N, C-alpha and C. Protein backbone atom coordinates (compact mmCIF):
# COMPACT_ATOMS: atom_id res chain seq x y z
N ALA A 1 -219.33 64.02 -231.87
CA ALA A 1 -219.10 63.00 -230.88
C ALA A 1 -220.05 63.18 -229.70
N GLU A 2 -220.27 64.41 -229.28
CA GLU A 2 -221.17 64.66 -228.16
C GLU A 2 -222.59 64.22 -228.48
N ALA A 3 -223.03 64.41 -229.72
CA ALA A 3 -224.38 64.00 -230.12
C ALA A 3 -224.51 62.48 -230.10
N ILE A 4 -223.46 61.79 -230.50
CA ILE A 4 -223.48 60.32 -230.47
C ILE A 4 -223.57 59.82 -229.04
N VAL A 5 -222.80 60.40 -228.14
CA VAL A 5 -222.83 60.01 -226.73
C VAL A 5 -224.20 60.31 -226.13
N ALA A 6 -224.75 61.47 -226.43
CA ALA A 6 -226.07 61.84 -225.90
C ALA A 6 -227.15 60.88 -226.41
N ASP A 7 -227.08 60.52 -227.68
CA ASP A 7 -228.05 59.56 -228.24
C ASP A 7 -227.91 58.20 -227.56
N PHE A 8 -226.68 57.77 -227.34
CA PHE A 8 -226.44 56.49 -226.66
C PHE A 8 -227.02 56.52 -225.25
N GLN A 9 -226.78 57.60 -224.52
CA GLN A 9 -227.29 57.73 -223.15
C GLN A 9 -228.81 57.70 -223.14
N THR A 10 -229.44 58.38 -224.09
CA THR A 10 -230.91 58.40 -224.17
C THR A 10 -231.45 57.00 -224.42
N ARG A 11 -230.85 56.28 -225.35
CA ARG A 11 -231.31 54.92 -225.65
C ARG A 11 -231.07 53.99 -224.47
N LEU A 12 -229.96 54.14 -223.79
CA LEU A 12 -229.66 53.31 -222.63
C LEU A 12 -230.66 53.58 -221.50
N GLU A 13 -230.99 54.83 -221.27
CA GLU A 13 -231.98 55.18 -220.24
C GLU A 13 -233.35 54.60 -220.59
N ARG A 14 -233.73 54.61 -221.87
CA ARG A 14 -235.00 54.04 -222.29
C ARG A 14 -235.02 52.54 -222.03
N ILE A 15 -233.93 51.86 -222.35
CA ILE A 15 -233.83 50.42 -222.10
C ILE A 15 -233.99 50.14 -220.61
N GLN A 16 -233.34 50.94 -219.78
CA GLN A 16 -233.40 50.74 -218.33
C GLN A 16 -234.83 50.83 -217.81
N THR A 17 -235.65 51.73 -218.37
CA THR A 17 -237.04 51.86 -217.92
C THR A 17 -237.90 50.68 -218.37
N GLU A 18 -237.46 49.94 -219.37
CA GLU A 18 -238.24 48.81 -219.89
C GLU A 18 -237.88 47.49 -219.21
N LEU A 19 -236.83 47.47 -218.40
CA LEU A 19 -236.42 46.23 -217.74
C LEU A 19 -237.41 45.86 -216.64
N PRO A 20 -237.66 44.56 -216.48
CA PRO A 20 -238.55 44.15 -215.39
C PRO A 20 -237.94 44.47 -214.03
N THR A 21 -238.79 44.68 -213.05
CA THR A 21 -238.30 44.93 -211.69
C THR A 21 -238.09 43.60 -210.99
N GLY A 22 -237.44 43.63 -209.86
CA GLY A 22 -237.19 42.41 -209.11
C GLY A 22 -235.78 41.92 -209.32
N PRO A 23 -235.48 40.75 -208.79
CA PRO A 23 -234.13 40.19 -208.91
C PRO A 23 -233.74 39.96 -210.36
N ARG A 24 -232.53 40.31 -210.67
CA ARG A 24 -232.03 40.11 -212.03
C ARG A 24 -231.50 38.69 -212.19
N PRO A 25 -231.79 38.05 -213.33
CA PRO A 25 -231.24 36.71 -213.56
C PRO A 25 -229.72 36.78 -213.76
N VAL A 26 -229.07 35.68 -213.47
CA VAL A 26 -227.61 35.60 -213.60
C VAL A 26 -227.24 35.16 -215.02
N PHE A 27 -226.25 35.87 -215.60
CA PHE A 27 -225.74 35.58 -216.93
C PHE A 27 -224.28 35.17 -216.80
N ALA A 28 -223.95 34.00 -217.30
CA ALA A 28 -222.57 33.50 -217.26
C ALA A 28 -221.93 33.72 -218.63
N ASP A 29 -221.14 34.75 -218.76
CA ASP A 29 -220.39 35.00 -219.99
C ASP A 29 -219.00 34.42 -219.78
N LEU A 30 -218.80 33.23 -220.31
CA LEU A 30 -217.58 32.47 -220.03
C LEU A 30 -216.54 32.65 -221.12
N GLY A 31 -215.33 32.88 -220.70
CA GLY A 31 -214.20 32.94 -221.61
C GLY A 31 -213.40 31.66 -221.54
N GLY A 32 -212.27 31.67 -222.20
CA GLY A 32 -211.39 30.51 -222.20
C GLY A 32 -211.04 30.05 -220.80
N GLY A 33 -211.00 28.75 -220.60
CA GLY A 33 -210.69 28.20 -219.29
C GLY A 33 -211.79 28.42 -218.27
N LEU A 34 -213.01 28.71 -218.76
CA LEU A 34 -214.15 29.05 -217.91
C LEU A 34 -213.85 30.30 -217.08
N GLY A 35 -213.19 31.27 -217.71
CA GLY A 35 -212.88 32.53 -217.05
C GLY A 35 -214.05 33.48 -217.08
N VAL A 36 -214.17 34.29 -216.03
CA VAL A 36 -215.21 35.31 -215.94
C VAL A 36 -214.58 36.65 -215.60
N SER A 37 -215.15 37.72 -216.15
CA SER A 37 -214.69 39.08 -215.84
C SER A 37 -215.28 39.51 -214.51
N GLY A 38 -214.58 40.38 -213.82
CA GLY A 38 -214.98 40.80 -212.49
C GLY A 38 -216.26 41.61 -212.44
N ALA A 39 -216.79 41.73 -211.25
CA ALA A 39 -218.06 42.39 -211.01
C ALA A 39 -218.02 43.88 -211.33
N THR A 40 -216.85 44.49 -211.36
CA THR A 40 -216.75 45.93 -211.61
C THR A 40 -216.14 46.24 -212.98
N SER A 41 -216.18 45.28 -213.89
CA SER A 41 -215.58 45.48 -215.21
C SER A 41 -216.56 46.16 -216.17
N LEU A 42 -216.05 46.66 -217.27
CA LEU A 42 -216.90 47.22 -218.33
C LEU A 42 -217.86 46.14 -218.83
N HIS A 43 -217.36 44.94 -218.92
CA HIS A 43 -218.19 43.81 -219.34
C HIS A 43 -219.40 43.66 -218.42
N ALA A 44 -219.18 43.77 -217.13
CA ALA A 44 -220.27 43.67 -216.15
C ALA A 44 -221.26 44.82 -216.32
N GLU A 45 -220.77 46.00 -216.61
CA GLU A 45 -221.66 47.14 -216.82
C GLU A 45 -222.58 46.92 -218.01
N ILE A 46 -222.03 46.34 -219.08
CA ILE A 46 -222.83 46.06 -220.27
C ILE A 46 -223.91 45.03 -219.96
N ILE A 47 -223.53 43.98 -219.27
CA ILE A 47 -224.48 42.91 -218.92
C ILE A 47 -225.55 43.44 -217.97
N THR A 48 -225.16 44.26 -217.02
CA THR A 48 -226.11 44.85 -216.08
C THR A 48 -227.08 45.78 -216.81
N ALA A 49 -226.59 46.53 -217.78
CA ALA A 49 -227.45 47.42 -218.56
C ALA A 49 -228.50 46.62 -219.34
N GLY A 50 -228.19 45.36 -219.65
CA GLY A 50 -229.12 44.51 -220.37
C GLY A 50 -230.10 43.78 -219.46
N GLY A 51 -230.04 44.03 -218.15
CA GLY A 51 -231.02 43.46 -217.24
C GLY A 51 -230.58 42.21 -216.50
N PHE A 52 -229.31 41.86 -216.59
CA PHE A 52 -228.79 40.67 -215.92
C PHE A 52 -227.81 41.05 -214.82
N ARG A 53 -227.47 40.07 -213.97
CA ARG A 53 -226.32 40.14 -213.09
C ARG A 53 -225.30 39.19 -213.68
N THR A 54 -224.04 39.54 -213.59
CA THR A 54 -223.02 38.62 -214.08
C THR A 54 -222.78 37.52 -213.06
N LEU A 55 -222.21 36.44 -213.53
CA LEU A 55 -221.83 35.36 -212.63
C LEU A 55 -220.85 35.89 -211.58
N SER A 56 -219.96 36.77 -211.99
CA SER A 56 -219.00 37.37 -211.04
C SER A 56 -219.72 38.16 -209.96
N GLN A 57 -220.73 38.92 -210.33
CA GLN A 57 -221.49 39.68 -209.34
C GLN A 57 -222.19 38.72 -208.37
N ALA A 58 -222.77 37.66 -208.90
CA ALA A 58 -223.47 36.68 -208.06
C ALA A 58 -222.52 36.01 -207.07
N LEU A 59 -221.27 35.82 -207.49
CA LEU A 59 -220.28 35.14 -206.65
C LEU A 59 -219.38 36.10 -205.87
N GLY A 60 -219.51 37.41 -206.11
CA GLY A 60 -218.68 38.39 -205.42
C GLY A 60 -217.24 38.40 -205.89
N ILE A 61 -217.01 38.13 -207.16
CA ILE A 61 -215.65 38.05 -207.72
C ILE A 61 -215.23 39.42 -208.26
N GLU A 62 -214.06 39.86 -207.86
CA GLU A 62 -213.44 41.07 -208.41
C GLU A 62 -212.31 40.62 -209.33
N GLY A 63 -212.11 41.31 -210.42
CA GLY A 63 -211.05 40.95 -211.35
C GLY A 63 -211.41 39.72 -212.17
N PHE A 64 -210.45 39.20 -212.89
CA PHE A 64 -210.66 38.02 -213.73
C PHE A 64 -210.35 36.76 -212.93
N ARG A 65 -211.17 35.75 -213.11
CA ARG A 65 -210.94 34.48 -212.42
C ARG A 65 -211.47 33.32 -213.26
N ARG A 66 -210.75 32.21 -213.20
CA ARG A 66 -211.24 30.98 -213.82
C ARG A 66 -212.06 30.21 -212.78
N LEU A 67 -213.16 29.62 -213.24
CA LEU A 67 -214.04 28.90 -212.32
C LEU A 67 -213.99 27.40 -212.56
N PRO A 68 -214.07 26.62 -211.51
CA PRO A 68 -214.24 25.18 -211.70
C PRO A 68 -215.64 24.91 -212.27
N VAL A 69 -215.77 23.87 -213.03
CA VAL A 69 -217.06 23.49 -213.62
C VAL A 69 -218.12 23.35 -212.54
N GLU A 70 -217.74 22.81 -211.40
CA GLU A 70 -218.70 22.59 -210.32
C GLU A 70 -219.33 23.90 -209.83
N VAL A 71 -218.56 24.98 -209.78
CA VAL A 71 -219.09 26.27 -209.33
C VAL A 71 -220.09 26.79 -210.36
N LEU A 72 -219.77 26.66 -211.61
CA LEU A 72 -220.68 27.07 -212.68
C LEU A 72 -222.02 26.35 -212.56
N ILE A 73 -221.98 25.06 -212.43
CA ILE A 73 -223.20 24.26 -212.37
C ILE A 73 -223.98 24.53 -211.07
N ARG A 74 -223.29 24.66 -209.96
CA ARG A 74 -223.94 24.92 -208.68
C ARG A 74 -224.62 26.29 -208.66
N THR A 75 -224.03 27.29 -209.31
CA THR A 75 -224.59 28.63 -209.33
C THR A 75 -225.84 28.68 -210.22
N ASP A 76 -225.89 27.84 -211.24
CA ASP A 76 -227.07 27.67 -212.10
C ASP A 76 -227.56 28.96 -212.75
N PRO A 77 -226.71 29.64 -213.54
CA PRO A 77 -227.14 30.86 -214.22
C PRO A 77 -228.30 30.61 -215.19
N ALA A 78 -229.12 31.63 -215.38
CA ALA A 78 -230.27 31.54 -216.28
C ALA A 78 -229.85 31.62 -217.75
N ALA A 79 -228.77 32.33 -218.02
CA ALA A 79 -228.31 32.52 -219.40
C ALA A 79 -226.80 32.32 -219.46
N VAL A 80 -226.33 31.97 -220.66
CA VAL A 80 -224.91 31.66 -220.82
C VAL A 80 -224.41 32.08 -222.20
N SER A 81 -223.14 32.42 -222.25
CA SER A 81 -222.45 32.62 -223.52
C SER A 81 -221.17 31.80 -223.48
N LEU A 82 -221.05 30.90 -224.43
CA LEU A 82 -219.85 30.07 -224.52
C LEU A 82 -219.04 30.41 -225.76
N ASP A 83 -219.57 31.29 -226.60
CA ASP A 83 -218.95 31.55 -227.89
C ASP A 83 -218.55 33.01 -228.01
N GLY A 84 -217.29 33.29 -227.77
CA GLY A 84 -216.77 34.64 -227.90
C GLY A 84 -215.76 34.70 -229.02
N PRO A 85 -215.11 35.84 -229.20
CA PRO A 85 -214.18 36.00 -230.32
C PRO A 85 -212.95 35.11 -230.25
N TYR A 86 -212.59 34.62 -229.07
CA TYR A 86 -211.38 33.82 -228.94
C TYR A 86 -211.66 32.40 -228.45
N THR A 87 -212.90 31.99 -228.48
CA THR A 87 -213.24 30.69 -227.91
C THR A 87 -213.17 29.55 -228.91
N ASP A 88 -212.99 29.85 -230.17
CA ASP A 88 -212.93 28.76 -231.15
C ASP A 88 -211.49 28.41 -231.57
N THR A 89 -210.54 29.04 -230.92
CA THR A 89 -209.14 28.75 -231.25
C THR A 89 -208.72 27.43 -230.60
N PRO A 90 -207.88 26.67 -231.26
CA PRO A 90 -207.43 25.41 -230.66
C PRO A 90 -206.44 25.67 -229.53
N SER A 91 -206.93 25.57 -228.30
CA SER A 91 -206.08 25.78 -227.13
C SER A 91 -206.67 25.03 -225.95
N LEU A 92 -205.87 24.82 -224.92
CA LEU A 92 -206.37 24.18 -223.72
C LEU A 92 -207.45 25.02 -223.05
N ALA A 93 -207.30 26.34 -223.10
CA ALA A 93 -208.29 27.21 -222.48
C ALA A 93 -209.65 27.09 -223.16
N SER A 94 -209.67 27.03 -224.48
CA SER A 94 -210.97 26.92 -225.17
C SER A 94 -211.55 25.51 -225.08
N GLU A 95 -210.72 24.53 -224.79
CA GLU A 95 -211.22 23.16 -224.62
C GLU A 95 -212.21 23.07 -223.46
N ALA A 96 -212.00 23.86 -222.40
CA ALA A 96 -212.92 23.83 -221.26
C ALA A 96 -214.34 24.20 -221.68
N LEU A 97 -214.46 25.11 -222.66
CA LEU A 97 -215.78 25.52 -223.13
C LEU A 97 -216.46 24.45 -223.97
N ARG A 98 -215.68 23.51 -224.47
CA ARG A 98 -216.24 22.41 -225.28
C ARG A 98 -216.37 21.12 -224.48
N HIS A 99 -216.09 21.18 -223.20
CA HIS A 99 -216.20 19.99 -222.36
C HIS A 99 -217.64 19.47 -222.43
N PRO A 100 -217.82 18.16 -222.58
CA PRO A 100 -219.18 17.61 -222.71
C PRO A 100 -220.12 17.99 -221.56
N LEU A 101 -219.62 18.05 -220.34
CA LEU A 101 -220.46 18.43 -219.21
C LEU A 101 -220.92 19.88 -219.33
N VAL A 102 -220.03 20.77 -219.72
CA VAL A 102 -220.37 22.18 -219.88
C VAL A 102 -221.38 22.35 -221.00
N ARG A 103 -221.18 21.68 -222.12
CA ARG A 103 -222.11 21.78 -223.26
C ARG A 103 -223.49 21.21 -222.90
N ARG A 104 -223.52 20.09 -222.21
CA ARG A 104 -224.79 19.49 -221.81
C ARG A 104 -225.51 20.40 -220.82
N TRP A 105 -224.78 20.98 -219.87
CA TRP A 105 -225.37 21.91 -218.92
C TRP A 105 -225.94 23.13 -219.64
N ALA A 106 -225.25 23.64 -220.64
CA ALA A 106 -225.66 24.86 -221.34
C ALA A 106 -226.87 24.66 -222.24
N GLU A 107 -227.17 23.43 -222.60
CA GLU A 107 -228.28 23.17 -223.52
C GLU A 107 -229.61 23.73 -223.04
N GLY A 108 -229.88 23.71 -221.76
CA GLY A 108 -231.15 24.18 -221.26
C GLY A 108 -231.18 25.64 -220.90
N ARG A 109 -230.15 26.38 -221.24
CA ARG A 109 -230.04 27.78 -220.86
C ARG A 109 -230.29 28.70 -222.06
N MET A 110 -230.75 29.92 -221.74
CA MET A 110 -230.83 30.95 -222.76
C MET A 110 -229.41 31.26 -223.22
N ARG A 111 -229.20 31.35 -224.53
CA ARG A 111 -227.87 31.64 -225.08
C ARG A 111 -227.83 33.09 -225.54
N ILE A 112 -226.81 33.81 -225.11
CA ILE A 112 -226.61 35.20 -225.48
C ILE A 112 -225.18 35.36 -225.93
N ASP A 113 -224.97 36.02 -227.05
CA ASP A 113 -223.62 36.31 -227.52
C ASP A 113 -223.38 37.81 -227.43
N ILE A 114 -222.25 38.16 -226.83
CA ILE A 114 -221.89 39.57 -226.70
C ILE A 114 -220.76 39.86 -227.68
C-alpha cells in the first residue's frame, strides 16, 4: 500500500510541474439540481490537481450548494461536466442538467467527465 501511495504522489507531483502558470481556468462540475461541491472538498482537490479552479472556488462557496442558472452563465466557466454517475436518472434534480438553456450554454465549453 505504501508503494502505491508513493507512486501516486510521484505522478501527481510530475503533473503539477507540467501545468501552465498563471490564472487557472474555472471548471464547473455540476451535479443534480445544478449543485456544486464546496471549495474545500476532495472533489475540489482533484480538480485543482488537474490545473483548474472549481466553480465553488471562483464563487467562494463552502460546502454543497445549488446554483441558479443565471449564476452559472454569468460566471462563464471554461470547462464543464454535466454527466456524472447520477445525472441520467429520471428526477427533478437531473432535469436541471438537461434544461435547454444549460445545454446550449455548455455547447461551447470544454467537456470533462470525472
